[in-house]
Amino acid sequence: MTRPTHSRRQVLGTLAAMGLGVLTAARADTASQPPSDWPQASPVPGGVARLALGPATNRPQAWAGDAPLLVVGDSAGWTALVGIPLSAALGDAQIEVETGGSRRTMPYRIGPKAYAEQRLTVAPRAVDLSPENLARHERERIHQQAVIARFTEPVPPDLRMLAPVDGRRSSSFGLRRVFNGQARQPHSGMDIAAATGTPVRTPLAARVADTGDYFFNGQTVWLDHGGGLLSMLCHLSRINVRVGDVLAAGQNLGAVGATGRVTGPHLHWSVLLNQTAVDPALFIHA
């Protein structure tokens, strides 16, 4: 059976943006939700669809295109979590599910969401890459794409995340930027303004999947939470962990900085689910 495909985008770097609000680690209307209800359902581009698969003795397998999905729950009822690309078309979509050797497709609908747009006029050199930097970026993109494709066990039992640093949200997920009249890729994470040296904590228990110093992202830590759920934390001034380290939620992993392609200190935090960047705000709790 041919698996349906989703288009996917990976944004490897961002420029600083205008302040859009204050980041808080919880929302009053969701703080009391049980662990099984996280992340919050938001079946829109850049969001997460929660699809009930029903009861089964063993954990079902599910896919969006070729990407395996995170399936949570127990024998009384399983749920597939589907990260929806920002580039996804609105309307009907489907996943493929295998339970007990039997395959089926499961439909769902992707609804609309309007993301903010920001138009900026900047010096051409701020957005146009030299051939050397473009070649470096392409090498780094290929390397990080391999990190994104990870799918490891065990599946995390609780998907509620801590905000990795406290501070003002200086740019929200999905912000659509237009530089010098040319549309660029939407913002693939959440930017949190904080001073250089501010400690950065692990949002959810994880194994360190990758570290590096990248052209756009600067000093970066990739965290593998299991089941195709990953976090990327960028522009760090210091990295305190190594590849393979096992970290508890809240554990220090580095410090805020301004490394890479940025105009000031902040933390860029991306959350990826089934190889798709989704809104980190859907995972945050107190």
C-alpha atoms as a PDB file:
ATOM      1  CA  MET A   1       0.000   0.000   0.000  1.00  0.00           C
ATOM      2  CA  THR A   2       1.366   3.438  -0.895  1.00  0.00           C
ATOM      3  CA  ARG A   3       1.685   5.704   2.106  1.00  0.00           C
ATOM      4  CA  PRO A   4       0.372   9.252   1.745  1.00  0.00           C
ATOM      5  CA  THR A   5       3.049  11.919   1.681  1.00  0.00           C
ATOM      6  CA  HIS A   6       3.344  15.259   3.437  1.00  0.00           C
ATOM      7  CA  SER A   7       5.652  18.032   2.223  1.00  0.00           C
ATOM      8  CA  ARG A   8       8.132  19.007   4.943  1.00  0.00           C
ATOM      9  CA  ARG A   9      10.316  22.033   5.569  1.00  0.00           C
ATOM     10  CA  GLN A  10      13.301  22.432   7.835  1.00  0.00           C
ATOM     11  CA  VAL A  11      14.271  25.926   8.866  1.00  0.00           C
ATOM     12  CA  LEU A  12      17.886  25.915  10.034  1.00  0.00           C
ATOM     13  CA  GLY A  13      18.247  29.493  11.163  1.00  0.00           C
ATOM     14  CA  THR A  14      16.361  32.671  11.967  1.00  0.00           C
ATOM     15  CA  LEU A  15      16.861  36.408  12.341  1.00  0.00           C
ATOM     16  CA  ALA A  16      15.690  38.194  15.465  1.00  0.00           C
ATOM     17  CA  ALA A  17      12.078  39.419  15.341  1.00  0.00           C
ATOM     18  CA  MET A  18       9.871  41.987  17.077  1.00  0.00           C
ATOM     19  CA  GLY A  19       8.515  41.063  20.511  1.00  0.00           C
ATOM     20  CA  LEU A  20       5.151  39.294  20.367  1.00  0.00           C
ATOM     21  CA  GLY A  21       4.332  38.541  23.982  1.00  0.00           C
ATOM     22  CA  VAL A  22       5.504  36.993  27.231  1.00  0.00           C
ATOM     23  CA  LEU A  23       6.298  33.293  27.452  1.00  0.00           C
ATOM     24  CA  THR A  24       4.717  31.502  30.365  1.00  0.00           C
ATOM     25  CA  ALA A  25       5.299  27.862  31.169  1.00  0.00           C
ATOM     26  CA  ALA A  26       1.593  27.059  31.459  1.00  0.00           C
ATOM     27  CA  ARG A  27      -1.833  28.115  30.284  1.00  0.00           C
ATOM     28  CA  ALA A  28      -4.612  28.376  32.829  1.00  0.00           C
ATOM     29  CA  ASP A  29      -7.023  26.376  30.699  1.00  0.00           C
ATOM     30  CA  THR A  30      -4.639  23.444  30.145  1.00  0.00           C
ATOM     31  CA  ALA A  31      -2.537  23.189  33.317  1.00  0.00           C
ATOM     32  CA  SER A  32      -4.866  20.595  34.817  1.00  0.00           C
ATOM     33  CA  GLN A  33      -4.871  18.295  31.792  1.00  0.00           C
ATOM     34  CA  PRO A  34      -3.687  14.738  32.494  1.00  0.00           C
ATOM     35  CA  PRO A  35      -0.458  13.533  30.819  1.00  0.00           C
ATOM     36  CA  SER A  36      -2.429  11.574  28.222  1.00  0.00           C
ATOM     37  CA  ASP A  37      -3.884  14.833  26.849  1.00  0.00           C
ATOM     38  CA  TRP A  38      -0.553  16.372  25.864  1.00  0.00           C
ATOM     39  CA  PRO A  39       0.283  17.803  23.430  1.00  0.00           C
ATOM     40  CA  GLN A  40      -2.853  19.845  22.918  1.00  0.00           C
ATOM     41  CA  ALA A  41      -4.799  18.911  19.789  1.00  0.00           C
ATOM     42  CA  SER A  42      -4.544  21.509  17.037  1.00  0.00           C
ATOM     43  CA  PRO A  43      -5.146  19.948  13.592  1.00  0.00           C
ATOM     44  CA  VAL A  44      -3.878  22.942  11.583  1.00  0.00           C
ATOM     45  CA  PRO A  45      -0.676  23.560   9.603  1.00  0.00           C
ATOM     46  CA  GLY A  46       2.110  23.579  12.176  1.00  0.00           C
ATOM     47  CA  GLY A  47      -0.096  21.854  14.742  1.00  0.00           C
ATOM     48  CA  VAL A  48      -0.719  18.332  16.046  1.00  0.00           C
ATOM     49  CA  ALA A  49      -3.647  16.054  15.243  1.00  0.00           C
ATOM     50  CA  ARG A  50      -4.652  13.450  17.847  1.00  0.00           C
ATOM     51  CA  LEU A  51      -6.250  10.430  16.188  1.00  0.00           C
ATOM     52  CA  ALA A  52      -7.887   7.725  18.323  1.00  0.00           C
ATOM     53  CA  LEU A  53      -6.887   4.268  17.050  1.00  0.00           C
ATOM     54  CA  GLY A  54      -9.017   2.232  19.448  1.00  0.00           C
ATOM     55  CA  PRO A  55      -8.027  -0.639  21.766  1.00  0.00           C
ATOM     56  CA  ALA A  56      -5.413  -3.249  20.860  1.00  0.00           C
ATOM     57  CA  THR A  57      -3.252  -5.656  22.808  1.00  0.00           C
ATOM     58  CA  ASN A  58      -0.044  -4.288  21.306  1.00  0.00           C
ATOM     59  CA  ARG A  59       0.890  -0.760  20.326  1.00  0.00           C
ATOM     60  CA  PRO A  60      -0.212  -0.093  16.716  1.00  0.00           C
ATOM     61  CA  GLN A  61       2.189   1.324  14.166  1.00  0.00           C
ATOM     62  CA  ALA A  62       1.248   4.380  12.140  1.00  0.00           C
ATOM     63  CA  TRP A  63       2.785   6.552   9.440  1.00  0.00           C
ATOM     64  CA  ALA A  64       2.306   9.946   7.810  1.00  0.00           C
ATOM     65  CA  GLY A  65       3.862   9.370   4.439  1.00  0.00           C
ATOM     66  CA  ASP A  66       7.132   7.554   5.122  1.00  0.00           C
ATOM     67  CA  ALA A  67       7.537   9.047   8.600  1.00  0.00           C
ATOM     68  CA  PRO A  68       6.589   6.812  11.545  1.00  0.00           C
ATOM     69  CA  LEU A  69       4.209   8.390  14.045  1.00  0.00           C
ATOM     70  CA  LEU A  70       4.344   8.572  17.807  1.00  0.00           C
ATOM     71  CA  VAL A  71       1.576   6.339  19.213  1.00  0.00           C
ATOM     72  CA  VAL A  72       0.696   6.756  22.892  1.00  0.00           C
ATOM     73  CA  GLY A  73      -1.748   5.089  25.262  1.00  0.00           C
ATOM     74  CA  ASP A  74      -2.308   1.516  26.381  1.00  0.00           C
ATOM     75  CA  SER A  75      -4.282  -1.579  25.407  1.00  0.00           C
ATOM     76  CA  ALA A  76      -7.543   0.137  26.388  1.00  0.00           C
ATOM     77  CA  GLY A  77      -7.034   2.816  23.750  1.00  0.00           C
ATOM     78  CA  TRP A  78      -4.207   4.114  21.571  1.00  0.00           C
ATOM     79  CA  THR A  79      -3.723   7.570  20.031  1.00  0.00           C
ATOM     80  CA  ALA A  80      -1.578   8.552  17.054  1.00  0.00           C
ATOM     81  CA  LEU A  81       0.015  12.001  17.253  1.00  0.00           C
ATOM     82  CA  VAL A  82       0.501  13.595  13.839  1.00  0.00           C
ATOM     83  CA  GLY A  83       2.750  16.598  13.338  1.00  0.00           C
ATOM     84  CA  ILE A  84       1.298  18.650  10.475  1.00  0.00           C
ATOM     85  CA  PRO A  85       3.724  20.617   8.260  1.00  0.00           C
ATOM     86  CA  LEU A  86       3.278  24.364   7.979  1.00  0.00           C
ATOM     87  CA  SER A  87       3.140  23.789   4.215  1.00  0.00           C
ATOM     88  CA  ALA A  88       0.278  21.255   4.444  1.00  0.00           C
ATOM     89  CA  ALA A  89      -2.766  21.823   2.246  1.00  0.00           C
ATOM     90  CA  LEU A  90      -6.056  22.413   4.031  1.00  0.00           C
ATOM     91  CA  GLY A  91      -8.772  19.787   3.917  1.00  0.00           C
ATOM     92  CA  ASP A  92      -8.698  16.005   3.879  1.00  0.00           C
ATOM     93  CA  ALA A  93      -5.564  14.102   4.932  1.00  0.00           C
ATOM     94  CA  GLN A  94      -4.889  10.585   6.116  1.00  0.00           C
ATOM     95  CA  ILE A  95      -2.436   8.357   7.924  1.00  0.00           C
ATOM     96  CA  GLU A  96      -1.740   4.654   7.565  1.00  0.00           C
ATOM     97  CA  VAL A  97      -2.215   2.374  10.577  1.00  0.00           C
ATOM     98  CA  GLU A  98      -1.157  -1.231  11.169  1.00  0.00           C
ATOM     99  CA  THR A  99      -2.739  -3.200  14.017  1.00  0.00           C
ATOM    100  CA  GLY A 100      -2.222  -6.915  14.487  1.00  0.00           C
ATOM    101  CA  GLY A 101      -0.905  -7.328  10.953  1.00  0.00           C
ATOM    102  CA  SER A 102      -3.889  -5.562   9.390  1.00  0.00           C
ATOM    103  CA  ARG A 103      -3.426  -2.216   7.602  1.00  0.00           C
ATOM    104  CA  ARG A 104      -5.923   0.569   7.146  1.00  0.00           C
ATOM    105  CA  THR A 105      -6.006   4.267   6.410  1.00  0.00           C
ATOM    106  CA  MET A 106      -7.491   6.787   8.827  1.00  0.00           C
ATOM    107  CA  PRO A 107      -8.731  10.154   7.562  1.00  0.00           C
ATOM    108  CA  TYR A 108      -8.621  13.497   9.334  1.00  0.00           C
ATOM    109  CA  ARG A 109      -9.048  17.130   8.335  1.00  0.00           C
ATOM    110  CA  ILE A 110      -6.564  19.980   8.437  1.00  0.00           C
ATOM    111  CA  GLY A 111      -8.200  23.273   9.329  1.00  0.00           C
ATOM    112  CA  PRO A 112      -6.993  26.830   8.703  1.00  0.00           C
ATOM    113  CA  LYS A 113      -4.792  28.949  10.921  1.00  0.00           C
ATOM    114  CA  ALA A 114      -3.649  32.505  10.227  1.00  0.00           C
ATOM    115  CA  TYR A 115      -0.079  33.173  11.297  1.00  0.00           C
ATOM    116  CA  ALA A 116       1.310  36.673  11.707  1.00  0.00           C
ATOM    117  CA  GLU A 117       3.380  38.184   8.908  1.00  0.00           C
ATOM    118  CA  GLN A 118       6.383  40.466   9.279  1.00  0.00           C
ATOM    119  CA  ARG A 119       7.817  42.566   6.455  1.00  0.00           C
ATOM    120  CA  LEU A 120      11.384  43.790   6.836  1.00  0.00           C
ATOM    121  CA  THR A 121      13.813  45.764   4.720  1.00  0.00           C
ATOM    122  CA  VAL A 122      17.403  44.751   5.420  1.00  0.00           C
ATOM    123  CA  ALA A 123      20.788  44.926   3.736  1.00  0.00           C
ATOM    124  CA  PRO A 124      21.028  42.278   0.984  1.00  0.00           C
ATOM    125  CA  ARG A 125      24.070  40.714   2.632  1.00  0.00           C
ATOM    126  CA  ALA A 126      21.892  39.940   5.682  1.00  0.00           C
ATOM    127  CA  VAL A 127      19.766  37.496   3.694  1.00  0.00           C
ATOM    128  CA  ASP A 128      21.803  36.500   0.635  1.00  0.00           C
ATOM    129  CA  LEU A 129      24.494  33.883   1.196  1.00  0.00           C
ATOM    130  CA  SER A 130      27.898  33.778  -0.431  1.00  0.00           C
ATOM    131  CA  PRO A 131      28.679  30.613  -2.419  1.00  0.00           C
ATOM    132  CA  GLU A 132      30.925  29.433   0.412  1.00  0.00           C
ATOM    133  CA  ASN A 133      28.280  29.949   3.083  1.00  0.00           C
ATOM    134  CA  LEU A 134      25.599  28.405   0.885  1.00  0.00           C
ATOM    135  CA  ALA A 135      27.759  25.275   0.437  1.00  0.00           C
ATOM    136  CA  ARG A 136      28.342  25.099   4.199  1.00  0.00           C
ATOM    137  CA  HIS A 137      24.639  25.460   4.888  1.00  0.00           C
ATOM    138  CA  GLU A 138      23.823  22.649   2.453  1.00  0.00           C
ATOM    139  CA  ARG A 139      26.321  20.289   4.150  1.00  0.00           C
ATOM    140  CA  GLU A 140      24.850  21.124   7.542  1.00  0.00           C
ATOM    141  CA  ARG A 141      21.292  20.716   6.270  1.00  0.00           C
ATOM    142  CA  ILE A 142      22.024  17.182   5.054  1.00  0.00           C
ATOM    143  CA  HIS A 143      23.653  16.296   8.377  1.00  0.00           C
ATOM    144  CA  GLN A 144      20.768  17.649  10.445  1.00  0.00           C
ATOM    145  CA  GLN A 145      18.180  15.983   8.232  1.00  0.00           C
ATOM    146  CA  ALA A 146      19.668  12.656   9.348  1.00  0.00           C
ATOM    147  CA  VAL A 147      19.175  13.738  12.970  1.00  0.00           C
ATOM    148  CA  ILE A 148      15.557  14.671  12.264  1.00  0.00           C
ATOM    149  CA  ALA A 149      14.862  11.215  10.830  1.00  0.00           C
ATOM    150  CA  ARG A 150      15.614   9.478  14.158  1.00  0.00           C
ATOM    151  CA  PHE A 151      12.883   7.272  15.628  1.00  0.00           C
ATOM    152  CA  THR A 152      13.931   5.564  18.839  1.00  0.00           C
ATOM    153  CA  GLU A 153      12.419   3.691  21.756  1.00  0.00           C
ATOM    154  CA  PRO A 154      11.091   3.922  24.353  1.00  0.00           C
ATOM    155  CA  VAL A 155       8.143   6.194  23.713  1.00  0.00           C
ATOM    156  CA  PRO A 156       8.047   8.995  26.324  1.00  0.00           C
ATOM    157  CA  PRO A 157       5.344   8.326  28.948  1.00  0.00           C
ATOM    158  CA  ASP A 158       4.586  12.023  29.518  1.00  0.00           C
ATOM    159  CA  LEU A 159       4.759  14.629  26.750  1.00  0.00           C
ATOM    160  CA  ARG A 160       4.274  17.743  28.865  1.00  0.00           C
ATOM    161  CA  MET A 161       7.327  19.976  28.401  1.00  0.00           C
ATOM    162  CA  LEU A 162       9.012  22.675  30.427  1.00  0.00           C
ATOM    163  CA  ALA A 163       9.834  25.949  28.724  1.00  0.00           C
ATOM    164  CA  PRO A 164      13.626  25.644  28.312  1.00  0.00           C
ATOM    165  CA  VAL A 165      14.193  29.194  29.539  1.00  0.00           C
ATOM    166  CA  ASP A 166      11.988  31.870  31.074  1.00  0.00           C
ATOM    167  CA  GLY A 167      11.561  35.106  29.180  1.00  0.00           C
ATOM    168  CA  ARG A 168       9.681  37.169  26.646  1.00  0.00           C
ATOM    169  CA  ARG A 169       8.627  35.389  23.471  1.00  0.00           C
ATOM    170  CA  SER A 170      10.407  37.510  20.874  1.00  0.00           C
ATOM    171  CA  SER A 171       9.128  35.529  17.885  1.00  0.00           C
ATOM    172  CA  SER A 172       6.383  32.937  17.735  1.00  0.00           C
ATOM    173  CA  PHE A 173       6.170  29.723  15.749  1.00  0.00           C
ATOM    174  CA  GLY A 174       4.789  30.104  12.230  1.00  0.00           C
ATOM    175  CA  LEU A 175       5.632  33.798  11.819  1.00  0.00           C
ATOM    176  CA  ARG A 176       5.803  34.480   8.078  1.00  0.00           C
ATOM    177  CA  ARG A 177       8.684  36.786   7.160  1.00  0.00           C
ATOM    178  CA  VAL A 178       9.150  38.812   4.011  1.00  0.00           C
ATOM    179  CA  PHE A 179      12.633  40.274   3.525  1.00  0.00           C
ATOM    180  CA  ASN A 180      13.034  42.955   0.873  1.00  0.00           C
ATOM    181  CA  GLY A 181       9.783  41.820  -0.729  1.00  0.00           C
ATOM    182  CA  GLN A 182      10.799  38.165  -0.905  1.00  0.00           C
ATOM    183  CA  ALA A 183       8.919  35.590   1.182  1.00  0.00           C
ATOM    184  CA  ARG A 184      11.126  33.370   3.333  1.00  0.00           C
ATOM    185  CA  GLN A 185      10.352  30.142   5.119  1.00  0.00           C
ATOM    186  CA  PRO A 186       8.001  30.573   8.114  1.00  0.00           C
ATOM    187  CA  HIS A 187       9.581  30.566  11.541  1.00  0.00           C
ATOM    188  CA  SER A 188      10.028  26.936  12.566  1.00  0.00           C
ATOM    189  CA  GLY A 189      10.258  27.422  16.318  1.00  0.00           C
ATOM    190  CA  MET A 190       9.794  29.718  19.270  1.00  0.00           C
ATOM    191  CA  ASP A 191      12.303  32.465  20.116  1.00  0.00           C
ATOM    192  CA  ILE A 192      12.653  33.373  23.794  1.00  0.00           C
ATOM    193  CA  ALA A 193      14.537  36.549  24.669  1.00  0.00           C
ATOM    194  CA  ALA A 194      17.059  36.108  27.484  1.00  0.00           C
ATOM    195  CA  ALA A 195      20.470  37.473  28.378  1.00  0.00           C
ATOM    196  CA  THR A 196      23.651  35.739  27.257  1.00  0.00           C
ATOM    197  CA  GLY A 197      24.649  33.155  29.851  1.00  0.00           C
ATOM    198  CA  THR A 198      21.108  32.426  31.060  1.00  0.00           C
ATOM    199  CA  PRO A 199      20.916  28.668  31.821  1.00  0.00           C
ATOM    200  CA  VAL A 200      18.945  26.537  29.351  1.00  0.00           C
ATOM    201  CA  ARG A 201      17.103  23.517  30.725  1.00  0.00           C
ATOM    202  CA  THR A 202      16.009  20.277  29.106  1.00  0.00           C
ATOM    203  CA  PRO A 203      12.276  20.587  28.277  1.00  0.00           C
ATOM    204  CA  LEU A 204      11.598  16.831  28.539  1.00  0.00           C
ATOM    205  CA  ALA A 205      13.711  13.801  29.448  1.00  0.00           C
ATOM    206  CA  ALA A 206      15.915  12.983  26.465  1.00  0.00           C
ATOM    207  CA  ARG A 207      19.137  11.627  25.054  1.00  0.00           C
ATOM    208  CA  VAL A 208      21.458  14.114  23.368  1.00  0.00           C
ATOM    209  CA  ALA A 209      21.292  13.231  19.661  1.00  0.00           C
ATOM    210  CA  ASP A 210      23.652  15.847  18.227  1.00  0.00           C
ATOM    211  CA  THR A 211      25.610  18.968  19.048  1.00  0.00           C
ATOM    212  CA  GLY A 212      27.371  21.349  16.714  1.00  0.00           C
ATOM    213  CA  ASP A 213      28.174  24.883  15.650  1.00  0.00           C
ATOM    214  CA  TYR A 214      26.119  25.654  12.534  1.00  0.00           C
ATOM    215  CA  PHE A 215      26.027  28.616  10.156  1.00  0.00           C
ATOM    216  CA  PHE A 216      22.437  29.674  10.828  1.00  0.00           C
ATOM    217  CA  ASN A 217      21.797  28.046  14.207  1.00  0.00           C
ATOM    218  CA  GLY A 218      25.132  28.657  15.931  1.00  0.00           C
ATOM    219  CA  GLN A 219      25.906  26.374  18.840  1.00  0.00           C
ATOM    220  CA  THR A 220      23.074  23.838  18.871  1.00  0.00           C
ATOM    221  CA  VAL A 221      21.857  20.864  20.900  1.00  0.00           C
ATOM    222  CA  TRP A 222      19.460  18.272  19.459  1.00  0.00           C
ATOM    223  CA  LEU A 223      17.481  16.216  21.987  1.00  0.00           C
ATOM    224  CA  ASP A 224      15.821  12.891  21.192  1.00  0.00           C
ATOM    225  CA  HIS A 225      12.801  12.391  23.469  1.00  0.00           C
ATOM    226  CA  GLY A 226      11.834   9.089  21.810  1.00  0.00           C
ATOM    227  CA  GLY A 227       9.206   8.056  19.293  1.00  0.00           C
ATOM    228  CA  GLY A 228      10.234  10.644  16.697  1.00  0.00           C
ATOM    229  CA  LEU A 229       9.801  13.576  19.107  1.00  0.00           C
ATOM    230  CA  LEU A 230      12.843  15.887  19.131  1.00  0.00           C
ATOM    231  CA  SER A 231      13.849  19.320  20.387  1.00  0.00           C
ATOM    232  CA  MET A 232      16.414  21.656  18.824  1.00  0.00           C
ATOM    233  CA  LEU A 233      17.898  24.457  20.930  1.00  0.00           C
ATOM    234  CA  CYS A 234      19.977  27.031  19.069  1.00  0.00           C
ATOM    235  CA  HIS A 235      22.260  30.097  19.333  1.00  0.00           C
ATOM    236  CA  LEU A 236      23.792  28.875  22.592  1.00  0.00           C
ATOM    237  CA  SER A 237      26.860  30.562  24.088  1.00  0.00           C
ATOM    238  CA  ARG A 238      27.857  27.343  25.848  1.00  0.00           C
ATOM    239  CA  ILE A 239      27.040  23.636  25.527  1.00  0.00           C
ATOM    240  CA  ASN A 240      27.358  21.539  28.690  1.00  0.00           C
ATOM    241  CA  VAL A 241      26.407  18.130  27.283  1.00  0.00           C
ATOM    242  CA  ARG A 242      27.748  15.555  24.851  1.00  0.00           C
ATOM    243  CA  VAL A 243      26.163  13.280  22.291  1.00  0.00           C
ATOM    244  CA  GLY A 244      24.753  10.217  24.062  1.00  0.00           C
ATOM    245  CA  ASP A 245      24.180  11.924  27.418  1.00  0.00           C
ATOM    246  CA  VAL A 246      20.858  11.026  29.056  1.00  0.00           C
ATOM    247  CA  LEU A 247      19.184  14.094  30.555  1.00  0.00           C
ATOM    248  CA  ALA A 248      16.284  14.498  32.954  1.00  0.00           C
ATOM    249  CA  ALA A 249      13.629  17.147  32.407  1.00  0.00           C
ATOM    250  CA  GLY A 250      14.868  20.449  33.822  1.00  0.00           C
ATOM    251  CA  GLN A 251      18.542  19.492  33.646  1.00  0.00           C
ATOM    252  CA  ASN A 252      20.946  22.215  32.506  1.00  0.00           C
ATOM    253  CA  LEU A 253      22.302  21.673  28.986  1.00  0.00           C
ATOM    254  CA  GLY A 254      23.908  25.000  28.133  1.00  0.00           C
ATOM    255  CA  ALA A 255      23.435  28.762  28.131  1.00  0.00           C
ATOM    256  CA  VAL A 256      21.670  31.370  26.012  1.00  0.00           C
ATOM    257  CA  GLY A 257      23.840  33.156  23.465  1.00  0.00           C
ATOM    258  CA  ALA A 258      23.904  34.950  20.131  1.00  0.00           C
ATOM    259  CA  THR A 259      25.856  32.496  18.001  1.00  0.00           C
ATOM    260  CA  GLY A 260      24.964  31.825  14.382  1.00  0.00           C
ATOM    261  CA  ARG A 261      22.888  34.097  12.142  1.00  0.00           C
ATOM    262  CA  VAL A 262      21.223  36.342  14.728  1.00  0.00           C
ATOM    263  CA  THR A 263      21.113  40.003  15.746  1.00  0.00           C
ATOM    264  CA  GLY A 264      20.981  39.511  19.511  1.00  0.00           C
ATOM    265  CA  PRO A 265      20.939  36.947  22.333  1.00  0.00           C
ATOM    266  CA  HIS A 266      17.938  34.641  22.555  1.00  0.00           C
ATOM    267  CA  LEU A 267      17.046  30.955  22.546  1.00  0.00           C
ATOM    268  CA  HIS A 268      15.484  29.411  19.460  1.00  0.00           C
ATOM    269  CA  TRP A 269      13.541  26.254  20.379  1.00  0.00           C
ATOM    270  CA  SER A 270      12.074  23.928  17.779  1.00  0.00           C
ATOM    271  CA  VAL A 271       9.970  20.831  18.465  1.00  0.00           C
ATOM    272  CA  LEU A 272       9.761  18.171  15.749  1.00  0.00           C
ATOM    273  CA  LEU A 273       7.256  15.337  15.544  1.00  0.00           C
ATOM    274  CA  ASN A 274       7.382  12.759  12.735  1.00  0.00           C
ATOM    275  CA  GLN A 275      10.106  14.848  11.038  1.00  0.00           C
ATOM    276  CA  THR A 276       7.877  17.939  11.085  1.00  0.00           C
ATOM    277  CA  ALA A 277       8.347  21.192  12.975  1.00  0.00           C
ATOM    278  CA  VAL A 278       5.304  21.902  15.144  1.00  0.00           C
ATOM    279  CA  ASP A 279       4.345  24.656  17.579  1.00  0.00           C
ATOM    280  CA  PRO A 280       6.253  24.155  20.881  1.00  0.00           C
ATOM    281  CA  ALA A 281       3.485  26.013  22.732  1.00  0.00           C
ATOM    282  CA  LEU A 282       1.271  22.921  22.358  1.00  0.00           C
ATOM    283  CA  PHE A 283       3.616  20.980  24.658  1.00  0.00           C
ATOM    284  CA  ILE A 284       4.326  23.493  27.433  1.00  0.00           C
ATOM    285  CA  HIS A 285       3.158  23.029  31.006  1.00  0.00           C
ATOM    286  CA  ALA A 286       4.057  24.455  34.402  1.00  0.00           C
END
